[in-house]
PDB file of all heavy atoms in Angstrom:
ATOM      1  N   ASP A   1     -75.153  30.469-159.529  1.00  0.00           N
ATOM      2  CA  ASP A   1     -75.806  29.242-159.972  1.00  0.00           C
ATOM      3  C   ASP A   1     -74.877  28.064-159.695  1.00  0.00           C
ATOM      4  O   ASP A   1     -73.683  28.227-159.486  1.00  0.00           O
ATOM      5  CB  ASP A   1     -76.116  29.339-161.471  1.00  0.00           C
ATOM      6  CG  ASP A   1     -77.143  28.311-161.921  1.00  0.00           C
ATOM      7  OD1 ASP A   1     -77.647  27.562-161.060  1.00  0.00           O
ATOM      8  OD2 ASP A   1     -77.427  28.257-163.127  1.00  0.00           O
ATOM      9  N   ARG A   2     -75.432  26.847-159.734  1.00  0.00           N
ATOM     10  CA  ARG A   2     -74.659  25.635-159.470  1.00  0.00           C
ATOM     11  C   ARG A   2     -74.120  25.049-160.762  1.00  0.00           C
ATOM     12  O   ARG A   2     -74.852  24.906-161.735  1.00  0.00           O
ATOM     13  CB  ARG A   2     -75.521  24.584-158.771  1.00  0.00           C
ATOM     14  CG  ARG A   2     -75.852  24.891-157.335  1.00  0.00           C
ATOM     15  CD  ARG A   2     -76.846  23.872-156.806  1.00  0.00           C
ATOM     16  NE  ARG A   2     -78.139  23.995-157.471  1.00  0.00           N
ATOM     17  CZ  ARG A   2     -79.078  23.055-157.443  1.00  0.00           C
ATOM     18  NH1 ARG A   2     -78.859  21.907-156.836  1.00  0.00           N
ATOM     19  NH2 ARG A   2     -80.233  23.243-158.044  1.00  0.00           N
ATOM     20  N   GLY A   3     -72.838  24.685-160.757  1.00  0.00           N
ATOM     21  CA  GLY A   3     -72.248  24.011-161.896  1.00  0.00           C
ATOM     22  C   GLY A   3     -71.950  22.556-161.592  1.00  0.00           C
ATOM     23  O   GLY A   3     -71.738  21.756-162.508  1.00  0.00           O
ATOM     24  N   ALA A   4     -71.909  22.209-160.321  1.00  0.00           N
ATOM     25  CA  ALA A   4     -71.647  20.826-159.910  1.00  0.00           C
ATOM     26  C   ALA A   4     -71.997  20.686-158.436  1.00  0.00           C
ATOM     27  O   ALA A   4     -72.035  21.671-157.692  1.00  0.00           O
ATOM     28  CB  ALA A   4     -70.187  20.447-160.142  1.00  0.00           C
ATOM     29  N   GLN A   5     -72.228  19.454-158.016  1.00  0.00           N
ATOM     30  CA  GLN A   5     -72.469  19.180-156.610  1.00  0.00           C
ATOM     31  C   GLN A   5     -72.288  17.700-156.346  1.00  0.00           C
ATOM     32  O   GLN A   5     -72.372  16.877-157.263  1.00  0.00           O
ATOM     33  CB  GLN A   5     -73.876  19.601-156.184  1.00  0.00           C
ATOM     34  CG  GLN A   5     -75.000  18.769-156.786  1.00  0.00           C
ATOM     35  CD  GLN A   5     -76.378  19.242-156.383  1.00  0.00           C
ATOM     36  OE1 GLN A   5     -76.631  20.440-156.244  1.00  0.00           O
ATOM     37  NE2 GLN A   5     -77.297  18.301-156.172  1.00  0.00           N
ATOM     38  N   PHE A   6     -71.975  17.368-155.103  1.00  0.00           N
ATOM     39  CA  PHE A   6     -72.025  15.972-154.696  1.00  0.00           C
ATOM     40  C   PHE A   6     -72.571  15.917-153.280  1.00  0.00           C
ATOM     41  O   PHE A   6     -72.477  16.879-152.516  1.00  0.00           O
ATOM     42  CB  PHE A   6     -70.655  15.269-154.801  1.00  0.00           C
ATOM     43  CG  PHE A   6     -69.661  15.644-153.731  1.00  0.00           C
ATOM     44  CD1 PHE A   6     -69.571  14.905-152.563  1.00  0.00           C
ATOM     45  CD2 PHE A   6     -68.807  16.716-153.906  1.00  0.00           C
ATOM     46  CE1 PHE A   6     -68.658  15.240-151.581  1.00  0.00           C
ATOM     47  CE2 PHE A   6     -67.876  17.065-152.928  1.00  0.00           C
ATOM     48  CZ  PHE A   6     -67.799  16.322-151.766  1.00  0.00           C
ATOM     49  N   GLY A   7     -73.176  14.796-152.960  1.00  0.00           N
ATOM     50  CA  GLY A   7     -73.779  14.711-151.641  1.00  0.00           C
ATOM     51  C   GLY A   7     -74.316  13.338-151.355  1.00  0.00           C
ATOM     52  O   GLY A   7     -73.988  12.347-152.022  1.00  0.00           O
ATOM     53  N   PHE A   8     -75.188  13.278-150.365  1.00  0.00           N
ATOM     54  CA  PHE A   8     -75.672  12.022-149.807  1.00  0.00           C
ATOM     55  C   PHE A   8     -77.187  12.009-149.881  1.00  0.00           C
ATOM     56  O   PHE A   8     -77.847  12.963-149.461  1.00  0.00           O
ATOM     57  CB  PHE A   8     -75.201  11.887-148.357  1.00  0.00           C
ATOM     58  CG  PHE A   8     -73.753  12.269-148.177  1.00  0.00           C
ATOM     59  CD1 PHE A   8     -73.406  13.538-147.740  1.00  0.00           C
ATOM     60  CD2 PHE A   8     -72.746  11.374-148.473  1.00  0.00           C
ATOM     61  CE1 PHE A   8     -72.074  13.903-147.592  1.00  0.00           C
ATOM     62  CE2 PHE A   8     -71.416  11.725-148.331  1.00  0.00           C
ATOM     63  CZ  PHE A   8     -71.076  12.989-147.887  1.00  0.00           C
ATOM     64  N   ARG A   9     -77.730  10.885-150.408  1.00  0.00           N
ATOM     65  CA  ARG A   9     -79.163  10.832-150.642  1.00  0.00           C
ATOM     66  C   ARG A   9     -79.660   9.400-150.528  1.00  0.00           C
ATOM     67  O   ARG A   9     -78.960   8.462-150.887  1.00  0.00           O
ATOM     68  CB  ARG A   9     -79.466  11.365-152.041  1.00  0.00           C
ATOM     69  CG  ARG A   9     -80.949  11.604-152.333  1.00  0.00           C
ATOM     70  CD  ARG A   9     -81.130  12.098-153.749  1.00  0.00           C
ATOM     71  NE  ARG A   9     -82.513  12.477-154.016  1.00  0.00           N
ATOM     72  CZ  ARG A   9     -82.969  12.802-155.211  1.00  0.00           C
ATOM     73  NH1 ARG A   9     -82.161  12.790-156.251  1.00  0.00           N
ATOM     74  NH2 ARG A   9     -84.232  13.138-155.379  1.00  0.00           N
ATOM     75  N   ASN A  10     -80.877   9.247-150.043  1.00  0.00           N
ATOM     76  CA  ASN A  10     -81.493   7.924-149.960  1.00  0.00           C
ATOM     77  C   ASN A  10     -81.673   7.337-151.357  1.00  0.00           C
ATOM     78  O   ASN A  10     -82.043   8.040-152.289  1.00  0.00           O
ATOM     79  CB  ASN A  10     -82.842   8.044-149.264  1.00  0.00           C
ATOM     80  CG  ASN A  10     -83.709   6.832-149.502  1.00  0.00           C
ATOM     81  OD1 ASN A  10     -84.613   6.880-150.313  1.00  0.00           O
ATOM     82  ND2 ASN A  10     -83.416   5.744-148.818  1.00  0.00           N
ATOM     83  N   ASP A  11     -81.404   6.024-151.516  1.00  0.00           N
ATOM     84  CA  ASP A  11     -81.570   5.397-152.827  1.00  0.00           C
ATOM     85  C   ASP A  11     -82.266   4.043-152.771  1.00  0.00           C
ATOM     86  O   ASP A  11     -82.220   3.281-153.743  1.00  0.00           O
ATOM     87  CB  ASP A  11     -80.209   5.252-153.527  1.00  0.00           C
ATOM     88  CG  ASP A  11     -79.330   4.189-152.881  1.00  0.00           C
ATOM     89  OD1 ASP A  11     -79.580   3.827-151.707  1.00  0.00           O
ATOM     90  OD2 ASP A  11     -78.384   3.725-153.545  1.00  0.00           O
ATOM     91  N   ALA A  12     -82.887   3.724-151.654  1.00  0.00           N
ATOM     92  CA  ALA A  12     -83.612   2.448-151.547  1.00  0.00           C
ATOM     93  C   ALA A  12     -84.735   2.613-150.530  1.00  0.00           C
ATOM     94  O   ALA A  12     -84.883   3.671-149.909  1.00  0.00           O
ATOM     95  CB  ALA A  12     -82.665   1.323-151.142  1.00  0.00           C
ATOM     96  N   ALA A  13     -85.507   1.558-150.351  1.00  0.00           N
ATOM     97  CA  ALA A  13     -86.671   1.627-149.469  1.00  0.00           C
ATOM     98  C   ALA A  13     -86.288   1.991-148.044  1.00  0.00           C
ATOM     99  O   ALA A  13     -85.274   1.519-147.517  1.00  0.00           O
ATOM    100  CB  ALA A  13     -87.405   0.289-149.486  1.00  0.00           C
ATOM    101  N   VAL A  14     -87.088   2.837-147.425  1.00  0.00           N
ATOM    102  CA  VAL A  14     -86.866   3.287-146.051  1.00  0.00           C
ATOM    103  C   VAL A  14     -87.699   2.436-145.112  1.00  0.00           C
ATOM    104  O   VAL A  14     -88.851   2.115-145.393  1.00  0.00           O
ATOM    105  CB  VAL A  14     -87.258   4.770-145.896  1.00  0.00           C
ATOM    106  CG1 VAL A  14     -87.071   5.223-144.449  1.00  0.00           C
ATOM    107  CG2 VAL A  14     -86.448   5.630-146.848  1.00  0.00           C
ATOM    108  N   SER A  15     -87.108   2.055-143.990  1.00  0.00           N
ATOM    109  CA  SER A  15     -87.851   1.328-142.967  1.00  0.00           C
ATOM    110  C   SER A  15     -87.357   1.786-141.608  1.00  0.00           C
ATOM    111  O   SER A  15     -86.405   2.572-141.513  1.00  0.00           O
ATOM    112  CB  SER A  15     -87.668  -0.188-143.122  1.00  0.00           C
ATOM    113  OG  SER A  15     -86.303  -0.546-143.000  1.00  0.00           O
ATOM    114  N   ALA A  16     -87.975   1.312-140.558  1.00  0.00           N
ATOM    115  CA  ALA A  16     -87.600   1.732-139.205  1.00  0.00           C
ATOM    116  C   ALA A  16     -86.133   1.399-138.943  1.00  0.00           C
ATOM    117  O   ALA A  16     -85.707   0.246-139.072  1.00  0.00           O
ATOM    118  CB  ALA A  16     -88.478   1.031-138.177  1.00  0.00           C
ATOM    119  N   GLY A  17     -85.343   2.406-138.611  1.00  0.00           N
ATOM    120  CA  GLY A  17     -83.939   2.201-138.305  1.00  0.00           C
ATOM    121  C   GLY A  17     -83.049   1.964-139.509  1.00  0.00           C
ATOM    122  O   GLY A  17     -81.878   1.624-139.359  1.00  0.00           O
ATOM    123  N   SER A  18     -83.578   2.144-140.731  1.00  0.00           N
ATOM    124  CA  SER A  18     -82.791   1.890-141.939  1.00  0.00           C
ATOM    125  C   SER A  18     -83.066   2.961-142.979  1.00  0.00           C
ATOM    126  O   SER A  18     -84.205   3.141-143.422  1.00  0.00           O
ATOM    127  CB  SER A  18     -83.128   0.508-142.520  1.00  0.00           C
ATOM    128  OG  SER A  18     -82.429   0.285-143.730  1.00  0.00           O
ATOM    129  N   PHE A  19     -82.027   3.667-143.378  1.00  0.00           N
ATOM    130  CA  PHE A  19     -82.136   4.704-144.409  1.00  0.00           C
ATOM    131  C   PHE A  19     -80.969   4.525-145.369  1.00  0.00           C
ATOM    132  O   PHE A  19     -79.931   5.164-145.237  1.00  0.00           O
ATOM    133  CB  PHE A  19     -82.113   6.098-143.771  1.00  0.00           C
ATOM    134  CG  PHE A  19     -82.454   7.205-144.729  1.00  0.00           C
ATOM    135  CD1 PHE A  19     -83.779   7.487-145.024  1.00  0.00           C
ATOM    136  CD2 PHE A  19     -81.463   7.959-145.340  1.00  0.00           C
ATOM    137  CE1 PHE A  19     -84.102   8.504-145.912  1.00  0.00           C
ATOM    138  CE2 PHE A  19     -81.781   8.969-146.226  1.00  0.00           C
ATOM    139  CZ  PHE A  19     -83.109   9.248-146.515  1.00  0.00           C
ATOM    140  N   PRO A  20     -81.077   3.591-146.334  1.00  0.00           N
ATOM    141  CA  PRO A  20     -79.965   3.314-147.255  1.00  0.00           C
ATOM    142  C   PRO A  20     -79.528   4.582-147.985  1.00  0.00           C
ATOM    143  O   PRO A  20     -80.355   5.256-148.615  1.00  0.00           O
ATOM    144  CB  PRO A  20     -80.560   2.292-148.230  1.00  0.00           C
ATOM    145  CG  PRO A  20     -81.690   1.670-147.474  1.00  0.00           C
ATOM    146  CD  PRO A  20     -82.255   2.764-146.637  1.00  0.00           C
ATOM    147  N   THR A  21     -78.249   4.907-147.907  1.00  0.00           N
ATOM    148  CA  THR A  21     -77.763   6.186-148.407  1.00  0.00           C
ATOM    149  C   THR A  21     -76.656   5.997-149.430  1.00  0.00           C
ATOM    150  O   THR A  21     -75.736   5.203-149.218  1.00  0.00           O
ATOM    151  CB  THR A  21     -77.257   7.054-147.251  1.00  0.00           C
ATOM    152  OG1 THR A  21     -78.304   7.207-146.292  1.00  0.00           O
ATOM    153  CG2 THR A  21     -76.832   8.430-147.736  1.00  0.00           C
ATOM    154  N   ALA A  22     -76.749   6.723-150.526  1.00  0.00           N
ATOM    155  CA  ALA A  22     -75.745   6.685-151.584  1.00  0.00           C
ATOM    156  C   ALA A  22     -74.977   7.999-151.606  1.00  0.00           C
ATOM    157  O   ALA A  22     -75.437   9.018-151.098  1.00  0.00           O
ATOM    158  CB  ALA A  22     -76.413   6.458-152.936  1.00  0.00           C
ATOM    159  N   ILE A  23     -73.765   7.956-152.208  1.00  0.00           N
ATOM    160  CA  ILE A  23     -73.004   9.171-152.496  1.00  0.00           C
ATOM    161  C   ILE A  23     -73.176   9.442-153.980  1.00  0.00           C
ATOM    162  O   ILE A  23     -72.895   8.572-154.806  1.00  0.00           O
ATOM    163  CB  ILE A  23     -71.520   9.013-152.145  1.00  0.00           C
ATOM    164  CG1 ILE A  23     -71.359   8.602-150.683  1.00  0.00           C
ATOM    165  CG2 ILE A  23     -70.763  10.315-152.409  1.00  0.00           C
ATOM    166  CD1 ILE A  23     -69.922   8.310-150.284  1.00  0.00           C
ATOM    167  N   MET A  24     -73.622  10.640-154.334  1.00  0.00           N
ATOM    168  CA  MET A  24     -73.960  10.951-155.712  1.00  0.00           C
ATOM    169  C   MET A  24     -73.224  12.194-156.182  1.00  0.00           C
ATOM    170  O   MET A  24     -73.095  13.168-155.442  1.00  0.00           O
ATOM    171  CB  MET A  24     -75.466  11.150-155.846  1.00  0.00           C
ATOM    172  CG  MET A  24     -76.238   9.903-155.449  1.00  0.00           C
ATOM    173  SD  MET A  24     -78.005  10.169-155.454  1.00  0.00           S
ATOM    174  CE  MET A  24     -78.566   8.517-155.004  1.00  0.00           C
ATOM    175  N   PHE A  25     -72.751  12.158-157.436  1.00  0.00           N
ATOM    176  CA  PHE A  25     -71.976  13.244-158.017  1.00  0.00           C
ATOM    177  C   PHE A  25     -72.698  13.775-159.249  1.00  0.00           C
ATOM    178  O   PHE A  25     -73.037  13.015-160.157  1.00  0.00           O
ATOM    179  CB  PHE A  25     -70.581  12.747-158.408  1.00  0.00           C
ATOM    180  CG  PHE A  25     -69.767  12.234-157.251  1.00  0.00           C
ATOM    181  CD1 PHE A  25     -69.967  10.950-156.765  1.00  0.00           C
ATOM    182  CD2 PHE A  25     -68.817  13.038-156.637  1.00  0.00           C
ATOM    183  CE1 PHE A  25     -69.221  10.466-155.695  1.00  0.00           C
ATOM    184  CE2 PHE A  25     -68.075  12.563-155.567  1.00  0.00           C
ATOM    185  CZ  PHE A  25     -68.275  11.289-155.083  1.00  0.00           C
ATOM    186  N   TYR A  26     -72.958  15.086-159.266  1.00  0.00           N
ATOM    187  CA  TYR A  26     -73.671  15.730-160.355  1.00  0.00           C
ATOM    188  C   TYR A  26     -72.765  16.770-161.024  1.00  0.00           C
ATOM    189  O   TYR A  26     -72.052  17.512-160.335  1.00  0.00           O
ATOM    190  CB  TYR A  26     -74.911  16.460-159.837  1.00  0.00           C
ATOM    191  CG  TYR A  26     -75.962  15.580-159.211  1.00  0.00           C
ATOM    192  CD1 TYR A  26     -75.863  15.176-157.880  1.00  0.00           C
ATOM    193  CD2 TYR A  26     -77.073  15.167-159.939  1.00  0.00           C
ATOM    194  CE1 TYR A  26     -76.833  14.369-157.305  1.00  0.00           C
ATOM    195  CE2 TYR A  26     -78.050  14.367-159.368  1.00  0.00           C
ATOM    196  CZ  TYR A  26     -77.932  13.973-158.052  1.00  0.00           C
ATOM    197  OH  TYR A  26     -78.889  13.179-157.481  1.00  0.00           O
ATOM    198  N   THR A  27     -72.817  16.835-162.354  1.00  0.00           N
ATOM    199  CA  THR A  27     -72.098  17.873-163.078  1.00  0.00           C
ATOM    200  C   THR A  27     -73.003  18.442-164.157  1.00  0.00           C
ATOM    201  O   THR A  27     -74.000  17.838-164.547  1.00  0.00           O
ATOM    202  CB  THR A  27     -70.812  17.322-163.734  1.00  0.00           C
ATOM    203  OG1 THR A  27     -71.155  16.213-164.579  1.00  0.00           O
ATOM    204  CG2 THR A  27     -69.809  16.869-162.686  1.00  0.00           C
ATOM    205  N   GLY A  28     -72.632  19.622-164.672  1.00  0.00           N
ATOM    206  CA  GLY A  28     -73.391  20.280-165.721  1.00  0.00           C
ATOM    207  C   GLY A  28     -72.849  21.675-165.907  1.00  0.00           C
ATOM    208  O   GLY A  28     -71.746  21.998-165.459  1.00  0.00           O
ATOM    209  N   SER A  29     -73.625  22.531-166.562  1.00  0.00           N
ATOM    210  CA  SER A  29     -73.209  23.916-166.743  1.00  0.00           C
ATOM    211  C   SER A  29     -74.083  24.881-165.962  1.00  0.00           C
ATOM    212  O   SER A  29     -73.762  26.060-165.853  1.00  0.00           O
ATOM    213  CB  SER A  29     -73.237  24.283-168.231  1.00  0.00           C
ATOM    214  OG  SER A  29     -74.546  24.121-168.758  1.00  0.00           O
ATOM    215  N   SER A  30     -75.198  24.388-165.415  1.00  0.00           N
ATOM    216  CA  SER A  30     -76.080  25.209-164.594  1.00  0.00           C
ATOM    217  C   SER A  30     -76.977  24.288-163.794  1.00  0.00           C
ATOM    218  O   SER A  30     -77.043  23.088-164.062  1.00  0.00           O
ATOM    219  CB  SER A  30     -76.929  26.147-165.453  1.00  0.00           C
ATOM    220  OG  SER A  30     -77.900  25.409-166.172  1.00  0.00           O
ATOM    221  N   SER A  31     -77.687  24.848-162.830  1.00  0.00           N
ATOM    222  CA  SER A  31     -78.573  24.026-162.008  1.00  0.00           C
ATOM    223  C   SER A  31     -79.699  23.418-162.839  1.00  0.00           C
ATOM    224  O   SER A  31     -80.255  22.383-162.479  1.00  0.00           O
ATOM    225  CB  SER A  31     -79.163  24.865-160.868  1.00  0.00           C
ATOM    226  OG  SER A  31     -79.865  25.987-161.379  1.00  0.00           O
ATOM    227  N   ALA A  32     -80.012  24.050-163.984  1.00  0.00           N
ATOM    228  CA  ALA A  32     -81.102  23.556-164.819  1.00  0.00           C
ATOM    229  C   ALA A  32     -80.740  22.260-165.535  1.00  0.00           C
ATOM    230  O   ALA A  32     -81.632  21.507-165.939  1.00  0.00           O
ATOM    231  CB  ALA A  32     -81.502  24.614-165.847  1.00  0.00           C
ATOM    232  N   ASN A  33     -79.447  21.984-165.728  1.00  0.00           N
ATOM    233  CA  ASN A  33     -79.082  20.779-166.470  1.00  0.00           C
ATOM    234  C   ASN A  33     -78.090  19.892-165.717  1.00  0.00           C
ATOM    235  O   ASN A  33     -77.359  19.117-166.333  1.00  0.00           O
ATOM    236  CB  ASN A  33     -78.534  21.130-167.862  1.00  0.00           C
ATOM    237  CG  ASN A  33     -77.260  21.961-167.792  1.00  0.00           C
ATOM    238  OD1 ASN A  33     -76.551  21.967-166.790  1.00  0.00           O
ATOM    239  ND2 ASN A  33     -76.957  22.651-168.869  1.00  0.00           N
ATOM    240  N   LEU A  34     -78.066  19.979-164.400  1.00  0.00           N
ATOM    241  CA  LEU A  34     -77.215  19.075-163.633  1.00  0.00           C
ATOM    242  C   LEU A  34     -77.671  17.637-163.844  1.00  0.00           C
ATOM    243  O   LEU A  34     -78.858  17.335-163.782  1.00  0.00           O
ATOM    244  CB  LEU A  34     -77.277  19.404-162.137  1.00  0.00           C
ATOM    245  CG  LEU A  34     -76.486  20.609-161.635  1.00  0.00           C
ATOM    246  CD1 LEU A  34     -76.672  20.752-160.137  1.00  0.00           C
ATOM    247  CD2 LEU A  34     -75.015  20.493-161.975  1.00  0.00           C
ATOM    248  N   LYS A  35     -76.714  16.757-164.107  1.00  0.00           N
ATOM    249  CA  LYS A  35     -77.010  15.343-164.293  1.00  0.00           C
ATOM    250  C   LYS A  35     -76.121  14.528-163.356  1.00  0.00           C
ATOM    251  O   LYS A  35     -74.975  14.884-163.103  1.00  0.00           O
ATOM    252  CB  LYS A  35     -76.750  14.908-165.737  1.00  0.00           C
ATOM    253  CG  LYS A  35     -77.514  15.709-166.786  1.00  0.00           C
ATOM    254  CD  LYS A  35     -79.005  15.477-166.709  1.00  0.00           C
ATOM    255  CE  LYS A  35     -79.732  16.215-167.833  1.00  0.00           C
ATOM    256  NZ  LYS A  35     -81.188  16.018-167.786  1.00  0.00           N
ATOM    257  N   GLU A  36     -76.677  13.438-162.879  1.00  0.00           N
ATOM    258  CA  GLU A  36     -75.902  12.558-162.020  1.00  0.00           C
ATOM    259  C   GLU A  36     -74.983  11.705-162.890  1.00  0.00           C
ATOM    260  O   GLU A  36     -75.438  10.888-163.683  1.00  0.00           O
ATOM    261  CB  GLU A  36     -76.822  11.663-161.186  1.00  0.00           C
ATOM    262  CG  GLU A  36     -76.058  10.781-160.211  1.00  0.00           C
ATOM    263  CD  GLU A  36     -76.973   9.793-159.502  1.00  0.00           C
ATOM    264  OE1 GLU A  36     -78.200   9.982-159.541  1.00  0.00           O
ATOM    265  OE2 GLU A  36     -76.449   8.831-158.938  1.00  0.00           O
ATOM    266  N   GLY A  37     -73.670  11.889-162.735  1.00  0.00           N
ATOM    267  CA  GLY A  37     -72.714  11.173-163.557  1.00  0.00           C
ATOM    268  C   GLY A  37     -72.050  10.008-162.863  1.00  0.00           C
ATOM    269  O   GLY A  37     -71.488   9.132-163.517  1.00  0.00           O
TER     270      GLY A  37
END
């Protein structure tokens, strides 16, 4: 099971040639309760 993860994800409107991307960090004790911290 997952206890933490970080990665890259879109966080704003998408348009042609533009995909605004954020770096996001999640922690928790299992995949069921991962929260973005």
